[in-house]
Amino acid sequence: MMQNSRTPSEHPYDQLTPDVVIEAVESLGSMSDGRILALNSYENRVYQVGIEDGAPLVAKFYRPGRWTDAAIREEHAFALELAAEEIPIVPPIVRDGRSLFEIQGFRFAVFERRGGRWPELGTPEDREWMGRFLGRIHMVGRRMRFQHRGRIDVERMGEDSRAYLLENGWLPPHVEAAYESLTRDVLERVRDAFEIAGAAPLRLHGDCHRGNVLWTDAGPHFVDLDDCVMGPAIQDLWMLLAGSREEMAQQLSQILEGYSQFSRFDDGEVILIESLRALRMIHYAAWLARRWEDPAFPRAFPWFEEPRYWENHVLQLREQLAAIEEGPLALP
């Protein structure tokens, strides 16, 4: 199968019209003023909906087939548990004891609108603040386990993603053998790192990069827990780091200054940083491939089917393998 033979077909989201969005919000007792603004989201569809005589609400329509109802309810329960501890998270609105609703085949939830800016994390004080925020979340996250959501591990993010791309012909012929061999070596090293770390999994945000954090004068907050999973604590810390190894080590140390005020951290998990980055790289490519039937993806990521993308992907994975073999960051 050649990747350039794929053309997106009709997708369930094609039926999610503005009328359906408004009907969904009004079904919970709010009267819309008819204004709808699509917010930046590819995995789900998210809209800000104007409300007569009130602040706008945010309606999230879950991607069909991604999560079970039980898994979505676990996400909501985690958000509500955090909010009950006065941890800055925007939980779903509850009506008659329910937070997950359905309309015309779409499952959805509604949230208060909460603004903010992406954090720069440019000072030690900001990093410590972010660390306290995540430490409080993980303190709650350790109380119990998810039963219905995913897990950060080599099989789900690495092996399954690799197999999907190879079995469905996404790799151009001239890089397929290199990708197959290289990813086998990468995942072997990643598996070794997980065994060495022996990290105990806990409930996490799961996708804690700066684009998913909003900052106000009151500090950081999350507006969504759509990717919350079980995994090692370092998963919610490493994506906040940037720069050279020395700079990342210093940043992590400052984050941990705040984090350790509320939650314990096993320094042995530092060995997982570059392995988790490798898993994310492999998983991201497979995520795009799995979503290609959604017309929003070819429009947003037109370069994904170009041979140059895959050539660069293999090059980046080769560099990532070297980063893993260099060993863990040395915390100051």
C-alpha atoms as a PDB file:
ATOM      1  CA  MET A   1       0.000   0.000   0.000  1.00  0.00           C
ATOM      2  CA  MET A   2       1.445   3.371  -0.970  1.00  0.00           C
ATOM      3  CA  GLN A   3       0.886   6.205   1.416  1.00  0.00           C
ATOM      4  CA  ASN A   4      -0.061   8.618  -1.385  1.00  0.00           C
ATOM      5  CA  SER A   5      -3.026   6.384  -2.292  1.00  0.00           C
ATOM      6  CA  ARG A   6      -4.925   7.297   0.847  1.00  0.00           C
ATOM      7  CA  THR A   7      -7.755   9.783   0.571  1.00  0.00           C
ATOM      8  CA  PRO A   8      -9.882  10.742   3.588  1.00  0.00           C
ATOM      9  CA  SER A   9     -13.462   9.541   3.393  1.00  0.00           C
ATOM     10  CA  GLU A  10     -16.583  10.633   5.214  1.00  0.00           C
ATOM     11  CA  HIS A  11     -15.951  10.807   8.939  1.00  0.00           C
ATOM     12  CA  PRO A  12     -18.434  10.692  11.840  1.00  0.00           C
ATOM     13  CA  TYR A  13     -17.488  14.270  12.771  1.00  0.00           C
ATOM     14  CA  ASP A  14     -18.994  15.384   9.455  1.00  0.00           C
ATOM     15  CA  GLN A  15     -22.365  14.970  11.184  1.00  0.00           C
ATOM     16  CA  LEU A  16     -21.387  17.251  14.070  1.00  0.00           C
ATOM     17  CA  THR A  17     -23.057  20.398  12.763  1.00  0.00           C
ATOM     18  CA  PRO A  18     -23.432  23.729  14.593  1.00  0.00           C
ATOM     19  CA  ASP A  19     -27.065  22.867  15.271  1.00  0.00           C
ATOM     20  CA  VAL A  20     -26.000  19.657  17.031  1.00  0.00           C
ATOM     21  CA  VAL A  21     -23.430  21.565  19.115  1.00  0.00           C
ATOM     22  CA  ILE A  22     -26.018  24.114  20.236  1.00  0.00           C
ATOM     23  CA  GLU A  23     -28.621  21.426  20.900  1.00  0.00           C
ATOM     24  CA  ALA A  24     -26.113  19.561  23.085  1.00  0.00           C
ATOM     25  CA  VAL A  25     -25.366  22.566  25.275  1.00  0.00           C
ATOM     26  CA  GLU A  26     -29.027  23.588  25.533  1.00  0.00           C
ATOM     27  CA  SER A  27     -29.979  20.039  26.535  1.00  0.00           C
ATOM     28  CA  LEU A  28     -28.231  20.735  29.851  1.00  0.00           C
ATOM     29  CA  GLY A  29     -30.356  23.773  30.612  1.00  0.00           C
ATOM     30  CA  SER A  30     -28.367  26.679  29.142  1.00  0.00           C
ATOM     31  CA  MET A  31     -29.743  28.857  26.352  1.00  0.00           C
ATOM     32  CA  SER A  32     -27.204  29.529  23.619  1.00  0.00           C
ATOM     33  CA  ASP A  33     -26.956  32.913  21.902  1.00  0.00           C
ATOM     34  CA  GLY A  34     -25.943  31.112  18.699  1.00  0.00           C
ATOM     35  CA  ARG A  35     -22.243  32.021  18.750  1.00  0.00           C
ATOM     36  CA  ILE A  36     -19.880  29.078  18.259  1.00  0.00           C
ATOM     37  CA  LEU A  37     -16.079  29.186  18.140  1.00  0.00           C
ATOM     38  CA  ALA A  38     -14.104  26.052  17.233  1.00  0.00           C
ATOM     39  CA  LEU A  39     -11.154  25.614  19.594  1.00  0.00           C
ATOM     40  CA  ASN A  40      -7.834  24.021  18.751  1.00  0.00           C
ATOM     41  CA  SER A  41      -8.279  20.262  19.099  1.00  0.00           C
ATOM     42  CA  TYR A  42      -7.628  17.425  16.668  1.00  0.00           C
ATOM     43  CA  GLU A  43      -8.306  14.337  18.751  1.00  0.00           C
ATOM     44  CA  ASN A  44     -11.761  15.540  19.795  1.00  0.00           C
ATOM     45  CA  ARG A  45     -13.922  18.423  18.636  1.00  0.00           C
ATOM     46  CA  VAL A  46     -14.146  21.289  21.111  1.00  0.00           C
ATOM     47  CA  TYR A  47     -16.277  24.424  20.824  1.00  0.00           C
ATOM     48  CA  GLN A  48     -16.832  27.563  22.816  1.00  0.00           C
ATOM     49  CA  VAL A  49     -20.557  28.238  22.834  1.00  0.00           C
ATOM     50  CA  GLY A  50     -22.017  31.619  23.727  1.00  0.00           C
ATOM     51  CA  ILE A  51     -24.683  31.636  26.435  1.00  0.00           C
ATOM     52  CA  GLU A  52     -27.464  34.198  26.812  1.00  0.00           C
ATOM     53  CA  ASP A  53     -27.029  36.220  30.000  1.00  0.00           C
ATOM     54  CA  GLY A  54     -23.985  34.199  31.035  1.00  0.00           C
ATOM     55  CA  ALA A  55     -20.374  33.307  30.387  1.00  0.00           C
ATOM     56  CA  PRO A  56     -19.635  31.055  27.396  1.00  0.00           C
ATOM     57  CA  LEU A  57     -19.318  27.321  27.958  1.00  0.00           C
ATOM     58  CA  VAL A  58     -16.931  24.854  26.356  1.00  0.00           C
ATOM     59  CA  ALA A  59     -18.376  21.662  24.875  1.00  0.00           C
ATOM     60  CA  LYS A  60     -16.083  18.705  24.122  1.00  0.00           C
ATOM     61  CA  PHE A  61     -17.314  15.987  21.767  1.00  0.00           C
ATOM     62  CA  TYR A  62     -15.311  12.813  22.231  1.00  0.00           C
ATOM     63  CA  ARG A  63     -13.818  11.061  19.219  1.00  0.00           C
ATOM     64  CA  PRO A  64     -16.016   8.061  18.402  1.00  0.00           C
ATOM     65  CA  GLY A  65     -14.362   4.760  19.260  1.00  0.00           C
ATOM     66  CA  ARG A  66     -11.386   6.166  21.185  1.00  0.00           C
ATOM     67  CA  TRP A  67     -12.420   5.763  24.823  1.00  0.00           C
ATOM     68  CA  THR A  68     -15.060   3.613  26.432  1.00  0.00           C
ATOM     69  CA  ASP A  69     -17.724   5.303  28.540  1.00  0.00           C
ATOM     70  CA  ALA A  70     -16.060   3.852  31.633  1.00  0.00           C
ATOM     71  CA  ALA A  71     -12.703   5.378  30.650  1.00  0.00           C
ATOM     72  CA  ILE A  72     -14.247   8.811  30.098  1.00  0.00           C
ATOM     73  CA  ARG A  73     -15.996   8.635  33.447  1.00  0.00           C
ATOM     74  CA  GLU A  74     -12.647   7.847  35.074  1.00  0.00           C
ATOM     75  CA  GLU A  75     -11.202  10.978  33.459  1.00  0.00           C
ATOM     76  CA  HIS A  76     -14.093  13.027  34.811  1.00  0.00           C
ATOM     77  CA  ALA A  77     -13.861  11.461  38.275  1.00  0.00           C
ATOM     78  CA  PHE A  78     -10.137  12.284  38.434  1.00  0.00           C
ATOM     79  CA  ALA A  79     -10.783  15.907  37.438  1.00  0.00           C
ATOM     80  CA  LEU A  80     -13.542  16.249  40.028  1.00  0.00           C
ATOM     81  CA  GLU A  81     -11.327  14.639  42.680  1.00  0.00           C
ATOM     82  CA  LEU A  82      -8.572  17.165  41.943  1.00  0.00           C
ATOM     83  CA  ALA A  83     -11.017  20.078  41.973  1.00  0.00           C
ATOM     84  CA  ALA A  84     -12.363  18.921  45.330  1.00  0.00           C
ATOM     85  CA  GLU A  85      -8.803  19.301  46.669  1.00  0.00           C
ATOM     86  CA  GLU A  86      -8.770  22.879  45.286  1.00  0.00           C
ATOM     87  CA  ILE A  87      -6.137  21.930  42.711  1.00  0.00           C
ATOM     88  CA  PRO A  88      -6.528  24.218  39.663  1.00  0.00           C
ATOM     89  CA  ILE A  89      -8.213  22.026  37.089  1.00  0.00           C
ATOM     90  CA  VAL A  90     -11.382  22.682  35.093  1.00  0.00           C
ATOM     91  CA  PRO A  91     -13.699  19.726  35.828  1.00  0.00           C
ATOM     92  CA  PRO A  92     -16.718  18.810  33.719  1.00  0.00           C
ATOM     93  CA  ILE A  93     -20.071  20.279  34.674  1.00  0.00           C
ATOM     94  CA  VAL A  94     -22.256  17.763  36.500  1.00  0.00           C
ATOM     95  CA  ARG A  95     -26.012  17.618  35.933  1.00  0.00           C
ATOM     96  CA  ASP A  96     -28.215  15.199  37.883  1.00  0.00           C
ATOM     97  CA  GLY A  97     -25.150  13.255  38.978  1.00  0.00           C
ATOM     98  CA  ARG A  98     -23.818  12.849  35.430  1.00  0.00           C
ATOM     99  CA  SER A  99     -20.929  14.456  33.569  1.00  0.00           C
ATOM    100  CA  LEU A 100     -20.968  12.427  30.337  1.00  0.00           C
ATOM    101  CA  PHE A 101     -23.871  12.976  27.972  1.00  0.00           C
ATOM    102  CA  GLU A 102     -24.907  11.855  24.497  1.00  0.00           C
ATOM    103  CA  ILE A 103     -26.671  13.501  21.591  1.00  0.00           C
ATOM    104  CA  GLN A 104     -27.250  12.083  18.125  1.00  0.00           C
ATOM    105  CA  GLY A 105     -24.558   9.458  18.667  1.00  0.00           C
ATOM    106  CA  PHE A 106     -21.916  11.861  20.028  1.00  0.00           C
ATOM    107  CA  ARG A 107     -20.706  11.620  23.588  1.00  0.00           C
ATOM    108  CA  PHE A 108     -19.924  15.016  25.083  1.00  0.00           C
ATOM    109  CA  ALA A 109     -19.086  16.937  28.222  1.00  0.00           C
ATOM    110  CA  VAL A 110     -19.421  20.631  29.060  1.00  0.00           C
ATOM    111  CA  PHE A 111     -16.945  22.781  30.969  1.00  0.00           C
ATOM    112  CA  GLU A 112     -16.680  26.313  32.249  1.00  0.00           C
ATOM    113  CA  ARG A 113     -14.492  28.476  30.032  1.00  0.00           C
ATOM    114  CA  ARG A 114     -11.140  29.197  31.648  1.00  0.00           C
ATOM    115  CA  GLY A 115      -8.508  31.273  29.893  1.00  0.00           C
ATOM    116  CA  GLY A 116      -4.794  31.788  30.304  1.00  0.00           C
ATOM    117  CA  ARG A 117      -1.522  31.886  28.425  1.00  0.00           C
ATOM    118  CA  TRP A 118       1.066  29.255  27.659  1.00  0.00           C
ATOM    119  CA  PRO A 119       3.738  29.249  30.368  1.00  0.00           C
ATOM    120  CA  GLU A 120       7.271  30.279  29.524  1.00  0.00           C
ATOM    121  CA  LEU A 121       8.741  28.681  32.647  1.00  0.00           C
ATOM    122  CA  GLY A 122      11.641  31.049  32.196  1.00  0.00           C
ATOM    123  CA  THR A 123      12.545  31.498  35.848  1.00  0.00           C
ATOM    124  CA  PRO A 124      13.367  29.138  38.721  1.00  0.00           C
ATOM    125  CA  GLU A 125      10.334  30.513  40.555  1.00  0.00           C
ATOM    126  CA  ASP A 126       7.997  29.565  37.698  1.00  0.00           C
ATOM    127  CA  ARG A 127       9.486  26.071  37.516  1.00  0.00           C
ATOM    128  CA  GLU A 128       9.093  25.544  41.250  1.00  0.00           C
ATOM    129  CA  TRP A 129       5.499  26.751  41.001  1.00  0.00           C
ATOM    130  CA  MET A 130       4.847  24.280  38.206  1.00  0.00           C
ATOM    131  CA  GLY A 131       6.480  21.592  40.306  1.00  0.00           C
ATOM    132  CA  ARG A 132       4.171  22.307  43.255  1.00  0.00           C
ATOM    133  CA  PHE A 133       1.182  22.122  40.912  1.00  0.00           C
ATOM    134  CA  LEU A 134       2.219  18.724  39.523  1.00  0.00           C
ATOM    135  CA  GLY A 135       3.226  17.475  42.963  1.00  0.00           C
ATOM    136  CA  ARG A 136      -0.274  18.167  44.256  1.00  0.00           C
ATOM    137  CA  ILE A 137      -1.815  16.364  41.265  1.00  0.00           C
ATOM    138  CA  HIS A 138       0.421  13.327  41.752  1.00  0.00           C
ATOM    139  CA  MET A 139      -0.286  13.296  45.480  1.00  0.00           C
ATOM    140  CA  VAL A 140      -3.937  12.698  44.581  1.00  0.00           C
ATOM    141  CA  GLY A 141      -2.998  10.464  41.651  1.00  0.00           C
ATOM    142  CA  ARG A 142      -1.302   7.964  43.951  1.00  0.00           C
ATOM    143  CA  ARG A 143      -4.476   7.299  45.957  1.00  0.00           C
ATOM    144  CA  MET A 144      -5.895   4.744  43.531  1.00  0.00           C
ATOM    145  CA  ARG A 145      -5.401   3.318  40.042  1.00  0.00           C
ATOM    146  CA  PHE A 146      -7.230   3.765  36.771  1.00  0.00           C
ATOM    147  CA  GLN A 147      -9.033   0.604  35.727  1.00  0.00           C
ATOM    148  CA  HIS A 148     -10.201   1.565  32.245  1.00  0.00           C
ATOM    149  CA  ARG A 149      -7.628   3.984  30.819  1.00  0.00           C
ATOM    150  CA  GLY A 150      -4.305   3.501  29.049  1.00  0.00           C
ATOM    151  CA  ARG A 151      -0.802   3.138  30.390  1.00  0.00           C
ATOM    152  CA  ILE A 152       2.559   4.617  29.448  1.00  0.00           C
ATOM    153  CA  ASP A 153       4.504   1.517  28.432  1.00  0.00           C
ATOM    154  CA  VAL A 154       6.675   0.093  25.685  1.00  0.00           C
ATOM    155  CA  GLU A 155       4.023  -2.205  24.232  1.00  0.00           C
ATOM    156  CA  ARG A 156       1.192   0.297  23.775  1.00  0.00           C
ATOM    157  CA  MET A 157       3.205   3.332  22.713  1.00  0.00           C
ATOM    158  CA  GLY A 158       6.146   1.625  21.047  1.00  0.00           C
ATOM    159  CA  GLU A 159       5.567  -1.882  19.741  1.00  0.00           C
ATOM    160  CA  ASP A 160       1.913  -1.374  18.766  1.00  0.00           C
ATOM    161  CA  SER A 161       2.715   1.923  17.022  1.00  0.00           C
ATOM    162  CA  ARG A 162       5.701   0.478  15.168  1.00  0.00           C
ATOM    163  CA  ALA A 163       3.681  -2.540  14.023  1.00  0.00           C
ATOM    164  CA  TYR A 164       0.803  -0.375  12.812  1.00  0.00           C
ATOM    165  CA  LEU A 165       3.056   1.749  10.602  1.00  0.00           C
ATOM    166  CA  LEU A 166       4.933  -1.232   9.148  1.00  0.00           C
ATOM    167  CA  GLU A 167       1.889  -3.445   8.608  1.00  0.00           C
ATOM    168  CA  ASN A 168      -0.111  -0.708   6.904  1.00  0.00           C
ATOM    169  CA  GLY A 169       2.561   0.423   4.465  1.00  0.00           C
ATOM    170  CA  TRP A 170       3.147   3.910   5.782  1.00  0.00           C
ATOM    171  CA  LEU A 171       6.926   3.839   5.357  1.00  0.00           C
ATOM    172  CA  PRO A 172       8.371   4.710   1.927  1.00  0.00           C
ATOM    173  CA  PRO A 173      10.221   1.660   0.548  1.00  0.00           C
ATOM    174  CA  HIS A 174      13.645   3.294   0.717  1.00  0.00           C
ATOM    175  CA  VAL A 175      13.440   3.875   4.513  1.00  0.00           C
ATOM    176  CA  GLU A 176      11.314   0.929   5.627  1.00  0.00           C
ATOM    177  CA  ALA A 177      14.197  -1.450   6.391  1.00  0.00           C
ATOM    178  CA  ALA A 178      16.106   1.264   8.262  1.00  0.00           C
ATOM    179  CA  TYR A 179      13.009   2.149  10.311  1.00  0.00           C
ATOM    180  CA  GLU A 180      12.292  -1.489  11.138  1.00  0.00           C
ATOM    181  CA  SER A 181      15.833  -2.143  12.341  1.00  0.00           C
ATOM    182  CA  LEU A 182      16.289   1.169  14.128  1.00  0.00           C
ATOM    183  CA  THR A 183      13.011   1.053  16.051  1.00  0.00           C
ATOM    184  CA  ARG A 184      13.789  -2.496  17.143  1.00  0.00           C
ATOM    185  CA  ASP A 185      17.043  -1.234  18.668  1.00  0.00           C
ATOM    186  CA  VAL A 186      15.383   1.844  20.193  1.00  0.00           C
ATOM    187  CA  LEU A 187      12.621  -0.138  21.854  1.00  0.00           C
ATOM    188  CA  GLU A 188      15.106  -2.643  23.218  1.00  0.00           C
ATOM    189  CA  ARG A 189      16.959   0.209  24.946  1.00  0.00           C
ATOM    190  CA  VAL A 190      13.676   1.706  26.146  1.00  0.00           C
ATOM    191  CA  ARG A 191      12.611  -1.595  27.636  1.00  0.00           C
ATOM    192  CA  ASP A 192      15.955  -1.847  29.440  1.00  0.00           C
ATOM    193  CA  ALA A 193      15.461   1.658  30.895  1.00  0.00           C
ATOM    194  CA  PHE A 194      11.993   0.787  32.187  1.00  0.00           C
ATOM    195  CA  GLU A 195      13.354  -2.333  33.861  1.00  0.00           C
ATOM    196  CA  ILE A 196      16.179  -0.380  35.505  1.00  0.00           C
ATOM    197  CA  ALA A 197      13.855   2.394  36.691  1.00  0.00           C
ATOM    198  CA  GLY A 198      11.252   0.027  38.111  1.00  0.00           C
ATOM    199  CA  ALA A 199       8.895   3.000  38.419  1.00  0.00           C
ATOM    200  CA  ALA A 200       5.582   2.518  40.180  1.00  0.00           C
ATOM    201  CA  PRO A 201       2.779   3.864  37.947  1.00  0.00           C
ATOM    202  CA  LEU A 202       0.297   6.452  39.175  1.00  0.00           C
ATOM    203  CA  ARG A 203      -2.556   8.459  37.689  1.00  0.00           C
ATOM    204  CA  LEU A 204      -1.065  11.240  35.527  1.00  0.00           C
ATOM    205  CA  HIS A 205      -2.066  14.082  33.256  1.00  0.00           C
ATOM    206  CA  GLY A 206      -0.158  12.109  30.614  1.00  0.00           C
ATOM    207  CA  ASP A 207       0.450  14.834  28.007  1.00  0.00           C
ATOM    208  CA  CYS A 208       1.954  17.625  30.087  1.00  0.00           C
ATOM    209  CA  HIS A 209       3.658  19.859  27.531  1.00  0.00           C
ATOM    210  CA  ARG A 210       3.501  23.641  27.670  1.00  0.00           C
ATOM    211  CA  GLY A 211       0.703  23.826  25.117  1.00  0.00           C
ATOM    212  CA  ASN A 212      -1.550  21.910  27.497  1.00  0.00           C
ATOM    213  CA  VAL A 213      -0.854  24.168  30.471  1.00  0.00           C
ATOM    214  CA  LEU A 214      -2.505  27.554  30.917  1.00  0.00           C
ATOM    215  CA  TRP A 215      -1.024  30.211  33.185  1.00  0.00           C
ATOM    216  CA  THR A 216      -2.654  33.192  34.852  1.00  0.00           C
ATOM    217  CA  ASP A 217      -1.590  35.497  37.676  1.00  0.00           C
ATOM    218  CA  ALA A 218      -2.899  32.770  39.987  1.00  0.00           C
ATOM    219  CA  GLY A 219      -0.491  30.242  38.490  1.00  0.00           C
ATOM    220  CA  PRO A 220      -0.816  27.170  36.220  1.00  0.00           C
ATOM    221  CA  HIS A 221      -3.926  25.126  35.564  1.00  0.00           C
ATOM    222  CA  PHE A 222      -5.172  22.398  33.231  1.00  0.00           C
ATOM    223  CA  VAL A 223      -8.393  22.660  31.272  1.00  0.00           C
ATOM    224  CA  ASP A 224      -8.470  19.026  30.196  1.00  0.00           C
ATOM    225  CA  LEU A 225      -7.390  15.558  31.294  1.00  0.00           C
ATOM    226  CA  ASP A 226      -8.208  13.844  28.006  1.00  0.00           C
ATOM    227  CA  ASP A 227      -4.900  11.948  27.948  1.00  0.00           C
ATOM    228  CA  CYS A 228      -4.755  10.976  31.631  1.00  0.00           C
ATOM    229  CA  VAL A 229      -3.255   7.521  32.046  1.00  0.00           C
ATOM    230  CA  MET A 230      -1.214   5.374  34.400  1.00  0.00           C
ATOM    231  CA  GLY A 231       2.520   5.899  34.194  1.00  0.00           C
ATOM    232  CA  PRO A 232       5.737   7.005  35.894  1.00  0.00           C
ATOM    233  CA  ALA A 233       5.793  10.420  37.562  1.00  0.00           C
ATOM    234  CA  ILE A 234       8.555  11.668  35.252  1.00  0.00           C
ATOM    235  CA  GLN A 235       6.067  11.504  32.332  1.00  0.00           C
ATOM    236  CA  ASP A 236       4.446  14.728  33.565  1.00  0.00           C
ATOM    237  CA  LEU A 237       7.813  16.469  34.056  1.00  0.00           C
ATOM    238  CA  TRP A 238      10.105  15.740  31.133  1.00  0.00           C
ATOM    239  CA  MET A 239       8.149  17.598  28.423  1.00  0.00           C
ATOM    240  CA  LEU A 240       8.580  20.833  30.390  1.00  0.00           C
ATOM    241  CA  LEU A 241      12.361  20.677  29.880  1.00  0.00           C
ATOM    242  CA  ALA A 242      14.260  22.288  27.000  1.00  0.00           C
ATOM    243  CA  GLY A 243      17.810  23.084  25.950  1.00  0.00           C
ATOM    244  CA  SER A 244      21.098  21.282  26.539  1.00  0.00           C
ATOM    245  CA  ARG A 245      21.478  18.351  28.930  1.00  0.00           C
ATOM    246  CA  GLU A 246      22.951  20.693  31.527  1.00  0.00           C
ATOM    247  CA  GLU A 247      20.067  23.158  31.138  1.00  0.00           C
ATOM    248  CA  MET A 248      17.461  20.405  31.353  1.00  0.00           C
ATOM    249  CA  ALA A 249      19.103  19.003  34.480  1.00  0.00           C
ATOM    250  CA  GLN A 250      18.970  22.424  36.118  1.00  0.00           C
ATOM    251  CA  GLN A 251      15.325  22.941  35.086  1.00  0.00           C
ATOM    252  CA  LEU A 252      14.301  19.528  36.391  1.00  0.00           C
ATOM    253  CA  SER A 253      16.040  20.188  39.688  1.00  0.00           C
ATOM    254  CA  GLN A 254      14.056  23.415  40.077  1.00  0.00           C
ATOM    255  CA  ILE A 255      10.770  21.703  39.200  1.00  0.00           C
ATOM    256  CA  LEU A 256      11.527  19.023  41.775  1.00  0.00           C
ATOM    257  CA  GLU A 257      12.132  21.685  44.427  1.00  0.00           C
ATOM    258  CA  GLY A 258       8.433  22.469  44.238  1.00  0.00           C
ATOM    259  CA  TYR A 259       7.246  18.956  43.423  1.00  0.00           C
ATOM    260  CA  SER A 260       8.850  17.369  46.474  1.00  0.00           C
ATOM    261  CA  GLN A 261       6.868  19.645  48.792  1.00  0.00           C
ATOM    262  CA  PHE A 262       3.765  17.588  47.990  1.00  0.00           C
ATOM    263  CA  SER A 263       4.812  14.288  46.436  1.00  0.00           C
ATOM    264  CA  ARG A 264       7.771  11.965  46.555  1.00  0.00           C
ATOM    265  CA  PHE A 265       9.957  11.534  43.485  1.00  0.00           C
ATOM    266  CA  ASP A 266      12.248   8.604  42.771  1.00  0.00           C
ATOM    267  CA  ASP A 267      15.450   9.957  41.197  1.00  0.00           C
ATOM    268  CA  GLY A 268      15.793   6.606  39.436  1.00  0.00           C
ATOM    269  CA  GLU A 269      13.038   7.688  37.046  1.00  0.00           C
ATOM    270  CA  VAL A 270      15.366  10.263  35.447  1.00  0.00           C
ATOM    271  CA  ILE A 271      16.746   7.448  33.296  1.00  0.00           C
ATOM    272  CA  LEU A 272      13.352   7.312  31.541  1.00  0.00           C
ATOM    273  CA  ILE A 273      13.419  10.846  30.090  1.00  0.00           C
ATOM    274  CA  GLU A 274      15.018  10.067  26.729  1.00  0.00           C
ATOM    275  CA  SER A 275      13.218   6.730  26.507  1.00  0.00           C
ATOM    276  CA  LEU A 276       9.865   8.457  27.001  1.00  0.00           C
ATOM    277  CA  ARG A 277      10.828  10.970  24.335  1.00  0.00           C
ATOM    278  CA  ALA A 278      11.552   8.098  21.942  1.00  0.00           C
ATOM    279  CA  LEU A 279       8.193   6.468  22.705  1.00  0.00           C
ATOM    280  CA  ARG A 280       6.444   9.763  22.068  1.00  0.00           C
ATOM    281  CA  MET A 281       8.158  10.145  18.681  1.00  0.00           C
ATOM    282  CA  ILE A 282       7.147   6.664  17.535  1.00  0.00           C
ATOM    283  CA  HIS A 283       3.633   6.963  18.946  1.00  0.00           C
ATOM    284  CA  TYR A 284       3.068  10.395  17.393  1.00  0.00           C
ATOM    285  CA  ALA A 285       3.753   9.127  13.867  1.00  0.00           C
ATOM    286  CA  ALA A 286       1.363   6.216  14.387  1.00  0.00           C
ATOM    287  CA  TRP A 287      -1.253   8.554  15.861  1.00  0.00           C
ATOM    288  CA  LEU A 288      -1.231  10.653  12.694  1.00  0.00           C
ATOM    289  CA  ALA A 289      -1.508   7.529  10.550  1.00  0.00           C
ATOM    290  CA  ARG A 290      -4.391   6.139  12.594  1.00  0.00           C
ATOM    291  CA  ARG A 291      -6.278   9.428  12.304  1.00  0.00           C
ATOM    292  CA  TRP A 292      -5.689   9.979   8.592  1.00  0.00           C
ATOM    293  CA  GLU A 293      -9.290   9.132   7.681  1.00  0.00           C
ATOM    294  CA  ASP A 294     -10.338  12.248   9.598  1.00  0.00           C
ATOM    295  CA  PRO A 295     -10.246  15.069   6.988  1.00  0.00           C
ATOM    296  CA  ALA A 296      -8.905  17.483   9.610  1.00  0.00           C
ATOM    297  CA  PHE A 297      -5.592  15.628   9.701  1.00  0.00           C
ATOM    298  CA  PRO A 298      -4.523  15.823   6.028  1.00  0.00           C
ATOM    299  CA  ARG A 299      -5.435  19.517   6.108  1.00  0.00           C
ATOM    300  CA  ALA A 300      -3.385  20.179   9.240  1.00  0.00           C
ATOM    301  CA  PHE A 301      -0.448  17.831   8.541  1.00  0.00           C
ATOM    302  CA  PRO A 302      -0.018  17.717   4.743  1.00  0.00           C
ATOM    303  CA  TRP A 303       3.697  16.917   5.082  1.00  0.00           C
ATOM    304  CA  PHE A 304       2.992  13.590   6.795  1.00  0.00           C
ATOM    305  CA  GLU A 305       2.769  11.618   3.545  1.00  0.00           C
ATOM    306  CA  GLU A 306       5.906  13.125   2.046  1.00  0.00           C
ATOM    307  CA  PRO A 307       9.058  10.945   1.909  1.00  0.00           C
ATOM    308  CA  ARG A 308      11.047  13.768   3.490  1.00  0.00           C
ATOM    309  CA  TYR A 309       9.027  13.475   6.701  1.00  0.00           C
ATOM    310  CA  TRP A 310       9.920   9.796   7.059  1.00  0.00           C
ATOM    311  CA  GLU A 311      13.570  10.407   6.177  1.00  0.00           C
ATOM    312  CA  ASN A 312      13.744  13.042   8.922  1.00  0.00           C
ATOM    313  CA  HIS A 313      11.817  10.782  11.298  1.00  0.00           C
ATOM    314  CA  VAL A 314      14.397   8.012  10.891  1.00  0.00           C
ATOM    315  CA  LEU A 315      17.222  10.520  11.358  1.00  0.00           C
ATOM    316  CA  GLN A 316      15.636  11.883  14.544  1.00  0.00           C
ATOM    317  CA  LEU A 317      15.124   8.382  15.923  1.00  0.00           C
ATOM    318  CA  ARG A 318      18.782   7.614  15.249  1.00  0.00           C
ATOM    319  CA  GLU A 319      19.765  10.727  17.189  1.00  0.00           C
ATOM    320  CA  GLN A 320      17.340   9.742  19.937  1.00  0.00           C
ATOM    321  CA  LEU A 321      18.935   6.329  20.250  1.00  0.00           C
ATOM    322  CA  ALA A 322      22.263   8.100  20.828  1.00  0.00           C
ATOM    323  CA  ALA A 323      20.623  10.289  23.491  1.00  0.00           C
ATOM    324  CA  ILE A 324      19.318   7.198  25.305  1.00  0.00           C
ATOM    325  CA  GLU A 325      22.741   5.573  25.202  1.00  0.00           C
ATOM    326  CA  GLU A 326      24.329   8.724  26.624  1.00  0.00           C
ATOM    327  CA  GLY A 327      22.698   7.940  29.941  1.00  0.00           C
ATOM    328  CA  PRO A 328      20.451   9.879  32.343  1.00  0.00           C
ATOM    329  CA  LEU A 329      20.730  13.538  33.227  1.00  0.00           C
ATOM    330  CA  ALA A 330      22.979  14.301  36.164  1.00  0.00           C
ATOM    331  CA  LEU A 331      20.923  16.342  38.610  1.00  0.00           C
ATOM    332  CA  PRO A 332      22.865  19.136  40.304  1.00  0.00           C
END
